[in-house]
Amino acid sequence: MKFTADCRSCPRLAGFLDQVRGEHPDYHALPVSSFGEPRSPFLVVGLAPGMHGANRTGRPFTGDFAGNLLYGALHKYGFASSAEPLNAAGDANPSLHLKGCRITNAVRCLPPQNKPEPGEIRACNGYVAEELAMLPPDAAILALGTIAHQAVLMALQLRKSSFAFGHGAKHELPGGLKLFDSYHCSRYNTQTKRLTTAMFEAVIGNIAKYIE
């Protein structure tokens, strides 16, 4: 299942993007591709593009609070060339590149209220499976939130009940893959103190140690 920005497999999402593009003609407002080199030893799986983040800029986690936290942590541990996902003009920073890391989403299109439906998650799961198939042996996967965690398991045809999501958890998957879990780095989770910067950076730090 090869990714294409022309995908309209989910009528609700395609129609919503058409509406958003009409309201914000300067937004990307299309399915968002992954960012980073394929076959990197570290894959980050998020939920879906944010309205004024990836949906605007066309790059995962670029332009919203979640991206600031993610790229800051990736930069701290050497996975990103910069902690700043945006340039001075507010566009995707062209000088930022990932090192040994790739970022994708369980759902490639912006969903209304940031809540994809189960059928939409399934329709997009082939893209997740393609990303996982490219990973080298013993690669690390970071799932940001329960939906991303379950999307990884679905793509690998594994039972959800065998790998319970939990912040800071690490799961041994078939083929030598390692699945690390974190609460999603959203503004809501940090404002409610469910996730702190220190908690999030600790997970990235553990992945850095594992890859080393």
Protein backbone atom coordinates (compact mmCIF):
# COMPACT_ATOMS: atom_id res chain seq x y z
CA MET A 1 0.00 0.00 0.00
CA LYS A 2 1.95 2.98 -1.29
CA PHE A 3 1.18 6.40 0.15
CA THR A 4 -0.31 9.06 -2.08
CA ALA A 5 -1.46 12.56 -1.18
CA ASP A 6 -4.37 12.00 -3.59
CA CYS A 7 -5.91 9.31 -1.34
CA ARG A 8 -9.66 9.74 -0.79
CA SER A 9 -10.42 6.32 0.66
CA CYS A 10 -12.29 7.78 3.65
CA PRO A 11 -15.23 9.94 2.46
CA ARG A 12 -15.67 11.72 5.80
CA LEU A 13 -12.01 12.72 6.00
CA ALA A 14 -11.76 13.65 2.32
CA GLY A 15 -14.84 15.84 2.60
CA PHE A 16 -13.55 17.47 5.76
CA LEU A 17 -10.22 18.29 4.08
CA ASP A 18 -12.09 19.81 1.14
CA GLN A 19 -13.93 22.05 3.61
CA VAL A 20 -10.73 23.00 5.45
CA ARG A 21 -8.96 23.78 2.17
CA GLY A 22 -11.79 26.12 1.23
CA GLU A 23 -11.53 27.93 4.57
CA HIS A 24 -7.71 27.95 4.59
CA PRO A 25 -6.51 27.94 0.97
CA ASP A 26 -2.88 28.31 2.07
CA TYR A 27 -3.00 25.11 4.17
CA HIS A 28 -1.65 21.76 2.95
CA ALA A 29 -5.04 20.16 3.79
CA LEU A 30 -4.21 16.82 2.18
CA PRO A 31 -2.98 13.47 3.50
CA VAL A 32 0.40 14.02 5.18
CA SER A 33 3.39 11.88 4.25
CA SER A 34 5.96 10.52 6.71
CA PHE A 35 9.06 12.55 7.52
CA GLY A 36 12.59 11.17 7.74
CA GLU A 37 14.59 8.51 5.95
CA PRO A 38 12.91 5.13 5.36
CA ARG A 39 14.55 2.19 7.14
CA SER A 40 15.66 4.36 10.04
CA PRO A 41 16.13 2.39 13.29
CA PHE A 42 13.62 4.58 15.15
CA LEU A 43 10.02 5.12 14.02
CA VAL A 44 7.65 7.53 15.81
CA VAL A 45 3.94 6.83 15.28
CA GLY A 46 1.51 9.60 16.19
CA LEU A 47 -2.26 9.85 15.97
CA ALA A 48 -3.12 12.14 13.03
CA PRO A 49 -2.20 15.56 11.61
CA GLY A 50 -3.24 18.54 13.75
CA MET A 51 -5.45 21.25 12.27
CA HIS A 52 -2.90 24.05 12.47
CA GLY A 53 0.16 21.81 12.63
CA ALA A 54 0.85 19.11 10.04
CA ASN A 55 -2.43 19.84 8.25
CA ARG A 56 -1.15 23.37 7.65
CA THR A 57 2.54 22.74 6.98
CA GLY A 58 2.39 19.31 5.35
CA ARG A 59 4.99 17.80 7.70
CA PRO A 60 4.20 15.59 10.72
CA PHE A 61 4.17 17.37 14.10
CA THR A 62 5.16 20.70 12.57
CA GLY A 63 3.39 23.86 13.67
CA ASP A 64 1.66 22.92 16.93
CA PHE A 65 2.51 22.36 20.59
CA ALA A 66 2.92 18.59 20.24
CA GLY A 67 5.55 19.11 17.57
CA ASN A 68 7.49 21.56 19.70
CA LEU A 69 7.73 18.99 22.48
CA LEU A 70 8.53 16.10 20.13
CA TYR A 71 11.23 17.84 18.10
CA GLY A 72 12.72 19.35 21.23
CA ALA A 73 13.13 15.89 22.74
CA LEU A 74 14.40 14.38 19.49
CA HIS A 75 16.98 17.16 19.19
CA LYS A 76 18.10 16.67 22.80
CA TYR A 77 18.99 13.06 22.10
CA GLY A 78 20.52 13.59 18.67
CA PHE A 79 17.66 12.41 16.47
CA ALA A 80 16.89 15.86 14.98
CA SER A 81 19.22 18.56 13.68
CA SER A 82 17.16 21.30 15.33
CA ALA A 83 14.60 21.70 18.10
CA GLU A 84 12.73 24.27 15.97
CA PRO A 85 10.24 22.69 13.55
CA LEU A 86 9.27 26.10 12.09
CA ASN A 87 11.31 28.85 10.47
CA ALA A 88 10.92 32.59 11.10
CA ALA A 89 8.06 32.79 8.60
CA GLY A 90 6.10 30.10 10.43
CA ASP A 91 6.60 27.47 7.74
CA ALA A 92 8.23 24.05 8.07
CA ASN A 93 11.91 24.64 8.85
CA PRO A 94 13.75 23.39 5.73
CA SER A 95 17.02 23.03 7.61
CA LEU A 96 15.56 20.55 10.10
CA HIS A 97 16.33 16.94 9.27
CA LEU A 98 16.04 13.74 11.24
CA LYS A 99 18.98 11.47 12.04
CA GLY A 100 18.21 7.78 12.37
CA CYS A 101 14.55 8.58 12.95
CA ARG A 102 11.31 8.75 10.97
CA ILE A 103 7.91 10.14 11.95
CA THR A 104 4.50 8.98 10.73
CA ASN A 105 0.88 8.87 11.91
CA ALA A 106 -1.71 6.16 12.42
CA VAL A 107 -4.09 8.25 10.28
CA ARG A 108 -2.70 10.45 7.52
CA CYS A 109 -5.61 12.92 7.23
CA LEU A 110 -6.87 15.52 9.69
CA PRO A 111 -9.99 14.10 11.40
CA PRO A 112 -12.81 16.29 12.76
CA GLN A 113 -12.25 17.03 16.47
CA ASN A 114 -8.99 15.08 16.08
CA LYS A 115 -10.98 11.85 16.46
CA PRO A 116 -10.64 9.33 13.64
CA GLU A 117 -13.28 6.64 13.38
CA PRO A 118 -12.35 2.94 13.64
CA GLY A 119 -12.94 2.36 9.93
CA GLU A 120 -10.64 5.25 9.07
CA ILE A 121 -7.90 3.84 11.27
CA ARG A 122 -8.27 0.48 9.52
CA ALA A 123 -8.27 2.09 6.06
CA CYS A 124 -4.98 3.86 6.84
CA ASN A 125 -3.36 0.88 8.52
CA GLY A 126 -1.77 -0.36 5.32
CA TYR A 127 0.45 2.73 5.37
CA VAL A 128 1.54 1.86 8.92
CA ALA A 129 2.26 -1.70 7.80
CA GLU A 130 4.40 -0.38 4.95
CA GLU A 131 6.43 1.75 7.39
CA LEU A 132 6.96 -1.21 9.72
CA ALA A 133 7.99 -3.48 6.86
CA MET A 134 10.84 -1.10 6.04
CA LEU A 135 12.30 -1.13 9.55
CA PRO A 136 15.66 -2.82 10.14
CA PRO A 137 15.92 -5.69 12.64
CA ASP A 138 15.73 -4.62 16.30
CA ALA A 139 14.29 -1.20 15.40
CA ALA A 140 12.52 0.90 18.04
CA ILE A 141 8.94 2.08 17.56
CA LEU A 142 7.48 4.85 19.70
CA ALA A 143 3.68 4.88 19.92
CA LEU A 144 2.26 8.22 21.01
CA GLY A 145 -1.01 7.28 22.65
CA THR A 146 -3.31 4.28 22.63
CA ILE A 147 -4.55 4.67 19.05
CA ALA A 148 -1.00 4.71 17.66
CA HIS A 149 -0.11 1.74 19.89
CA GLN A 150 -3.06 -0.26 18.60
CA ALA A 151 -2.39 0.76 15.00
CA VAL A 152 1.10 -0.74 15.25
CA LEU A 153 -0.31 -3.99 16.64
CA MET A 154 -2.99 -4.08 13.95
CA ALA A 155 -0.41 -3.59 11.20
CA LEU A 156 1.62 -6.49 12.59
CA GLN A 157 -1.52 -8.62 13.05
CA LEU A 158 -0.93 -8.94 16.78
CA ARG A 159 -3.56 -9.25 19.51
CA LYS A 160 -4.18 -6.01 21.42
CA SER A 161 -4.75 -7.92 24.64
CA SER A 162 -1.20 -9.31 24.51
CA PHE A 163 0.44 -5.87 24.59
CA ALA A 164 -1.31 -3.44 26.94
CA PHE A 165 -0.60 0.26 26.43
CA GLY A 166 1.07 2.06 29.31
CA HIS A 167 3.19 5.18 29.48
CA GLY A 168 6.84 4.15 29.68
CA ALA A 169 6.07 0.52 28.75
CA LYS A 170 8.36 -1.45 26.45
CA HIS A 171 7.10 -4.43 24.47
CA GLU A 172 9.09 -7.14 22.70
CA LEU A 173 7.46 -7.75 19.31
CA PRO A 174 8.04 -10.55 16.82
CA GLY A 175 11.00 -10.05 14.53
CA GLY A 176 13.04 -8.28 17.18
CA LEU A 177 11.10 -5.02 17.05
CA LYS A 178 10.71 -3.05 20.30
CA LEU A 179 7.57 -1.01 20.93
CA PHE A 180 7.86 1.87 23.41
CA ASP A 181 4.73 3.65 24.67
CA SER A 182 4.19 7.25 25.70
CA TYR A 183 1.18 9.39 26.35
CA HIS A 184 0.67 11.64 23.34
CA CYS A 185 2.68 14.87 23.61
CA SER A 186 -0.43 17.02 23.14
CA ARG A 187 -1.06 20.33 24.84
CA TYR A 188 -4.03 18.78 26.66
CA ASN A 189 -1.89 16.04 28.22
CA THR A 190 0.80 18.47 29.33
CA GLN A 191 -1.64 21.09 30.66
CA THR A 192 -3.38 18.46 32.77
CA LYS A 193 0.05 17.19 33.95
CA ARG A 194 -0.72 13.73 32.65
CA LEU A 195 2.53 14.12 30.74
CA THR A 196 5.43 16.36 31.68
CA THR A 197 8.41 17.32 29.55
CA ALA A 198 10.63 15.26 31.86
CA MET A 199 8.37 12.20 31.49
CA PHE A 200 8.38 12.50 27.72
CA GLU A 201 12.10 13.10 27.43
CA ALA A 202 12.72 10.06 29.64
CA VAL A 203 10.99 7.83 27.09
CA ILE A 204 13.04 9.29 24.21
CA GLY A 205 16.17 8.89 26.35
CA ASN A 206 15.38 5.21 26.92
CA ILE A 207 14.99 4.70 23.19
CA ALA A 208 18.31 6.45 22.55
CA LYS A 209 20.02 4.10 25.03
CA TYR A 210 18.37 1.08 23.43
CA ILE A 211 19.47 2.07 19.93
CA GLU A 212 23.02 2.70 21.11
